[in-house]
Amino acid sequence: MTEAILPLSLTGVSYRAGGLNLLENISVTLRAGARTVILGPNGAGKTLLLRICHGLLTPSAGQVRWAAGGPGLPAAQAMVFQQPVLLRRSAAANVDYALKLRGLERRERARRVAEALALAGLTPLARRPARVLSGGERQRLALARAWAPRPQVLFLDEPTANLDPAATRAIEVALLAIHQGGTKIVMTTQDLHQARRMAEEVLFLHRGRLLESAPAAAFFSQPRSPEAQAFLRGELAW
């Protein structure tokens, strides 16, 4: 049985670059279950926080601790980027390659490829070269590829940025299915309507500081900080 890697605890996490404090003294615990949406204006530090959680960046100060780590940790969590890099091969082969890196045997890989493409609505495009897919299809393929190894946690950085409503809806439907399957969703978004649809808990960042961590219903109805109140009114640019 795979050891649970959650909760993920950040304690006093700061990140400094170019002489600037981009994240400052962030302490929060991400637990299994609730879908977490990270909100804040441009430059608030949302993507930086996501990358630190995923392990792509090391904080300048503070600690990032998973409940369980070791060699299996990278396979137990994954990230989908706003502009994913796809391999020069078919949609199915992109997903298969991710599974092959995990050491899965061919029959199991074939089963998971089929399941991942079906979840993302890409079954008819399985043999199509990934590089010729539309923007929405490419993002769904990146999601399928990240989910195929069955991570316990899936980080997503504005996964529907610049997508039309239909493509956005397809991504959201897939994410809800992934969540129902037991994967923890942690995502950033600039779309408040999407945040209201997807969030069960909200982390609100402003100028690199975590000002609020609250259940989504409480955050959207009664945000505590003046900055969050202004942000929800569309008045907080930075």
Protein backbone atom coordinates (compact mmCIF):
# COMPACT_ATOMS: atom_id res chain seq x y z
CA MET A 1 0.00 0.00 0.00
CA THR A 2 1.34 3.43 -0.96
CA GLU A 3 2.19 5.61 2.01
CA ALA A 4 0.15 8.83 2.25
CA ILE A 5 2.26 11.93 1.60
CA LEU A 6 -0.28 14.43 2.95
CA PRO A 7 -0.54 16.63 4.87
CA LEU A 8 1.98 19.06 3.37
CA SER A 9 3.16 21.61 5.92
CA LEU A 10 4.87 24.91 5.14
CA THR A 11 6.43 26.67 8.10
CA GLY A 12 7.84 30.19 7.84
CA VAL A 13 8.48 29.80 4.12
CA SER A 14 10.07 32.79 2.39
CA TYR A 15 11.56 33.20 -1.06
CA ARG A 16 13.98 35.96 -2.03
CA ALA A 17 15.27 36.72 -5.52
CA GLY A 18 16.84 39.77 -7.11
CA GLY A 19 17.01 41.50 -3.77
CA LEU A 20 13.24 41.23 -3.29
CA ASN A 21 11.15 39.24 -0.84
CA LEU A 22 8.71 37.51 -3.19
CA LEU A 23 7.21 35.26 -0.51
CA GLU A 24 7.37 36.11 3.16
CA ASN A 25 6.86 33.91 6.21
CA ILE A 26 4.14 31.64 4.86
CA SER A 27 2.83 28.95 7.19
CA VAL A 28 0.00 26.71 6.05
CA THR A 29 -0.97 23.05 6.02
CA LEU A 30 -2.52 21.38 2.98
CA ARG A 31 -4.55 18.34 3.95
CA ALA A 32 -6.15 15.59 1.91
CA GLY A 33 -9.68 16.10 0.67
CA ALA A 34 -10.72 19.67 0.00
CA ARG A 35 -9.90 21.28 -3.36
CA THR A 36 -7.55 24.21 -2.65
CA VAL A 37 -7.54 27.32 -4.84
CA ILE A 38 -4.79 29.92 -4.46
CA LEU A 39 -6.00 33.44 -5.23
CA GLY A 40 -4.40 36.86 -5.39
CA PRO A 41 -3.57 39.66 -7.83
CA ASN A 42 -0.80 39.39 -10.41
CA GLY A 43 2.59 39.25 -8.73
CA ALA A 44 1.19 38.04 -5.42
CA GLY A 45 3.39 34.94 -5.46
CA LYS A 46 0.85 32.28 -6.40
CA THR A 47 3.01 30.46 -8.95
CA LEU A 48 6.08 30.69 -6.72
CA LEU A 49 4.16 29.10 -3.87
CA LEU A 50 2.95 26.32 -6.13
CA ARG A 51 6.47 25.62 -7.40
CA ILE A 52 7.86 25.50 -3.87
CA CYS A 53 5.15 23.07 -2.82
CA HIS A 54 5.90 20.89 -5.85
CA GLY A 55 9.63 20.99 -5.12
CA LEU A 56 10.79 22.88 -8.19
CA LEU A 57 12.08 25.74 -6.03
CA THR A 58 13.78 25.70 -2.65
CA PRO A 59 12.64 28.38 -0.21
CA SER A 60 15.18 30.92 1.00
CA ALA A 61 13.96 30.33 4.53
CA GLY A 62 11.51 28.05 6.30
CA GLN A 63 10.57 24.41 5.87
CA VAL A 64 8.43 22.37 3.48
CA ARG A 65 7.49 18.99 4.90
CA TRP A 66 5.41 16.15 3.51
CA ALA A 67 3.96 13.56 5.86
CA ALA A 68 5.93 10.94 3.93
CA GLY A 69 8.85 11.43 1.60
CA GLY A 70 11.67 9.37 0.25
CA PRO A 71 12.18 7.98 -3.27
CA GLY A 72 8.45 7.64 -3.98
CA LEU A 73 7.58 11.29 -3.37
CA PRO A 74 8.11 12.62 -6.94
CA ALA A 75 5.72 10.01 -8.35
CA ALA A 76 3.16 10.74 -5.64
CA GLN A 77 2.61 14.33 -6.72
CA ALA A 78 2.55 16.10 -10.09
CA MET A 79 2.13 19.54 -11.62
CA VAL A 80 0.40 20.90 -14.71
CA PHE A 81 1.88 24.14 -16.00
CA GLN A 82 0.11 27.02 -17.69
CA GLN A 83 2.09 26.33 -20.86
CA PRO A 84 2.88 22.60 -20.85
CA VAL A 85 5.76 21.12 -22.83
CA LEU A 86 4.61 18.16 -24.91
CA LEU A 87 6.76 15.55 -26.61
CA ARG A 88 7.03 15.24 -30.40
CA ARG A 89 4.89 12.12 -30.51
CA SER A 90 1.22 11.19 -30.39
CA ALA A 91 -1.15 12.11 -27.58
CA ALA A 92 -1.20 8.50 -26.40
CA ALA A 93 2.58 8.22 -26.56
CA ASN A 94 2.94 11.35 -24.40
CA VAL A 95 0.94 9.69 -21.64
CA ASP A 96 2.65 6.33 -22.14
CA TYR A 97 6.09 7.90 -21.79
CA ALA A 98 5.20 9.37 -18.38
CA LEU A 99 4.10 5.91 -17.22
CA LYS A 100 7.16 4.21 -18.67
CA LEU A 101 9.36 6.51 -16.59
CA ARG A 102 7.54 5.16 -13.52
CA GLY A 103 8.51 1.61 -14.48
CA LEU A 104 5.02 0.31 -15.28
CA GLU A 105 4.78 -2.73 -17.52
CA ARG A 106 3.30 -2.43 -21.00
CA ARG A 107 -0.17 -3.86 -20.33
CA GLU A 108 -0.74 -1.64 -17.30
CA ARG A 109 0.53 1.37 -19.24
CA ALA A 110 -1.93 0.69 -22.06
CA ARG A 111 -4.81 0.48 -19.59
CA ARG A 112 -3.88 3.72 -17.88
CA VAL A 113 -3.28 5.56 -21.15
CA ALA A 114 -6.79 4.63 -22.28
CA GLU A 115 -8.29 5.71 -18.95
CA ALA A 116 -6.40 9.02 -18.88
CA LEU A 117 -7.31 9.94 -22.44
CA ALA A 118 -10.95 9.05 -21.79
CA LEU A 119 -11.04 11.21 -18.67
CA ALA A 120 -9.65 14.13 -20.66
CA GLY A 121 -12.02 13.56 -23.57
CA LEU A 122 -9.13 12.82 -25.92
CA THR A 123 -9.79 9.22 -26.93
CA PRO A 124 -10.56 10.14 -30.58
CA LEU A 125 -7.27 12.05 -30.72
CA ALA A 126 -5.06 9.33 -29.25
CA ARG A 127 -2.95 8.91 -32.40
CA ARG A 128 -2.81 12.59 -33.32
CA PRO A 129 0.58 14.33 -32.90
CA ALA A 130 0.50 16.33 -29.69
CA ARG A 131 2.09 19.37 -31.31
CA VAL A 132 -0.89 19.90 -33.67
CA LEU A 133 -3.55 19.83 -30.97
CA SER A 134 -5.47 22.99 -30.10
CA GLY A 135 -4.62 24.94 -26.96
CA GLY A 136 -7.44 23.36 -25.00
CA GLU A 137 -6.59 19.87 -26.24
CA ARG A 138 -2.94 20.34 -25.33
CA GLN A 139 -3.87 21.38 -21.82
CA ARG A 140 -6.18 18.39 -21.43
CA LEU A 141 -3.36 16.15 -22.64
CA ALA A 142 -1.01 17.65 -20.07
CA LEU A 143 -3.65 16.95 -17.43
CA ALA A 144 -4.10 13.36 -18.63
CA ARG A 145 -0.34 12.82 -18.58
CA ALA A 146 -0.01 14.20 -15.06
CA TRP A 147 -2.92 12.15 -13.72
CA ALA A 148 -2.06 8.82 -15.38
CA PRO A 149 0.49 7.81 -12.67
CA ARG A 150 -2.29 8.43 -10.08
CA PRO A 151 -0.61 11.12 -7.98
CA GLN A 152 -1.92 11.80 -4.51
CA VAL A 153 -1.57 15.54 -5.10
CA LEU A 154 -1.98 17.45 -8.36
CA PHE A 155 -0.76 21.05 -8.58
CA LEU A 156 -2.08 23.22 -11.43
CA ASP A 157 -0.92 26.70 -12.38
CA GLU A 158 -3.83 28.54 -14.03
CA PRO A 159 -4.77 25.46 -16.07
CA THR A 160 -7.47 27.25 -18.09
CA ALA A 161 -5.70 30.56 -18.80
CA ASN A 162 -6.56 31.87 -22.28
CA LEU A 163 -8.97 29.00 -23.01
CA ASP A 164 -12.50 29.47 -24.32
CA PRO A 165 -15.51 28.58 -22.11
CA ALA A 166 -15.97 25.11 -23.63
CA ALA A 167 -12.31 24.17 -23.13
CA THR A 168 -12.41 25.61 -19.62
CA ARG A 169 -15.46 23.54 -18.78
CA ALA A 170 -13.79 20.37 -20.10
CA ILE A 171 -10.79 20.94 -17.83
CA GLU A 172 -13.01 21.60 -14.82
CA VAL A 173 -15.07 18.45 -15.42
CA ALA A 174 -11.86 16.40 -15.61
CA LEU A 175 -10.52 17.99 -12.43
CA LEU A 176 -13.71 17.21 -10.54
CA ALA A 177 -13.46 13.58 -11.66
CA ILE A 178 -9.83 13.43 -10.56
CA HIS A 179 -10.77 14.90 -7.21
CA GLN A 180 -13.58 12.39 -6.77
CA GLY A 181 -11.03 9.66 -7.42
CA GLY A 182 -9.09 10.77 -4.34
CA THR A 183 -6.41 13.10 -5.73
CA LYS A 184 -5.87 16.35 -3.85
CA ILE A 185 -6.27 19.36 -6.18
CA VAL A 186 -4.23 22.53 -5.54
CA MET A 187 -4.59 25.17 -8.24
CA THR A 188 -4.13 28.84 -9.00
CA THR A 189 -6.54 30.88 -11.07
CA GLN A 190 -7.24 34.49 -12.00
CA ASP A 191 -10.88 33.68 -12.72
CA LEU A 192 -13.07 34.40 -9.70
CA HIS A 193 -16.03 32.62 -11.29
CA GLN A 194 -13.88 29.52 -11.66
CA ALA A 195 -12.64 29.87 -8.10
CA ARG A 196 -16.21 29.92 -6.83
CA ARG A 197 -16.98 26.78 -8.85
CA MET A 198 -13.86 24.84 -7.94
CA ALA A 199 -12.68 25.93 -4.50
CA GLU A 200 -13.50 24.20 -1.26
CA GLU A 201 -10.79 26.13 0.55
CA VAL A 202 -8.98 29.32 -0.45
CA LEU A 203 -5.48 30.62 0.17
CA PHE A 204 -5.31 34.36 -0.52
CA LEU A 205 -1.91 35.91 -1.24
CA HIS A 206 -1.03 39.59 -1.48
CA ARG A 207 2.49 40.93 -2.01
CA GLY A 208 4.00 37.59 -1.09
CA ARG A 209 2.14 37.21 2.18
CA LEU A 210 -0.61 34.73 3.03
CA LEU A 211 -3.41 36.94 4.31
CA GLU A 212 -6.19 34.37 4.46
CA SER A 213 -6.63 30.61 4.61
CA ALA A 214 -10.31 29.78 4.87
CA PRO A 215 -13.15 27.56 3.65
CA ALA A 216 -14.31 28.85 0.29
CA ALA A 217 -17.83 29.70 1.49
CA ALA A 218 -16.47 31.84 4.32
CA PHE A 219 -13.86 33.55 2.12
CA PHE A 220 -16.32 34.55 -0.60
CA SER A 221 -19.05 35.67 1.80
CA GLN A 222 -17.01 37.31 4.55
CA PRO A 223 -13.33 37.84 3.70
CA ARG A 224 -11.48 39.08 6.77
CA SER A 225 -8.72 41.24 5.31
CA PRO A 226 -9.30 44.59 3.57
CA GLU A 227 -7.09 43.35 0.72
CA ALA A 228 -9.27 40.30 0.10
CA GLN A 229 -12.40 42.42 0.24
CA ALA A 230 -10.95 44.79 -2.35
CA PHE A 231 -9.79 41.86 -4.51
CA LEU A 232 -13.29 40.37 -4.61
CA ARG A 233 -14.68 43.77 -5.59
CA GLY A 234 -12.19 43.93 -8.45
CA GLU A 235 -10.39 46.89 -6.91
CA LEU A 236 -7.06 45.34 -5.90
CA ALA A 237 -4.55 45.50 -8.76
CA TRP A 238 -1.43 44.97 -6.64
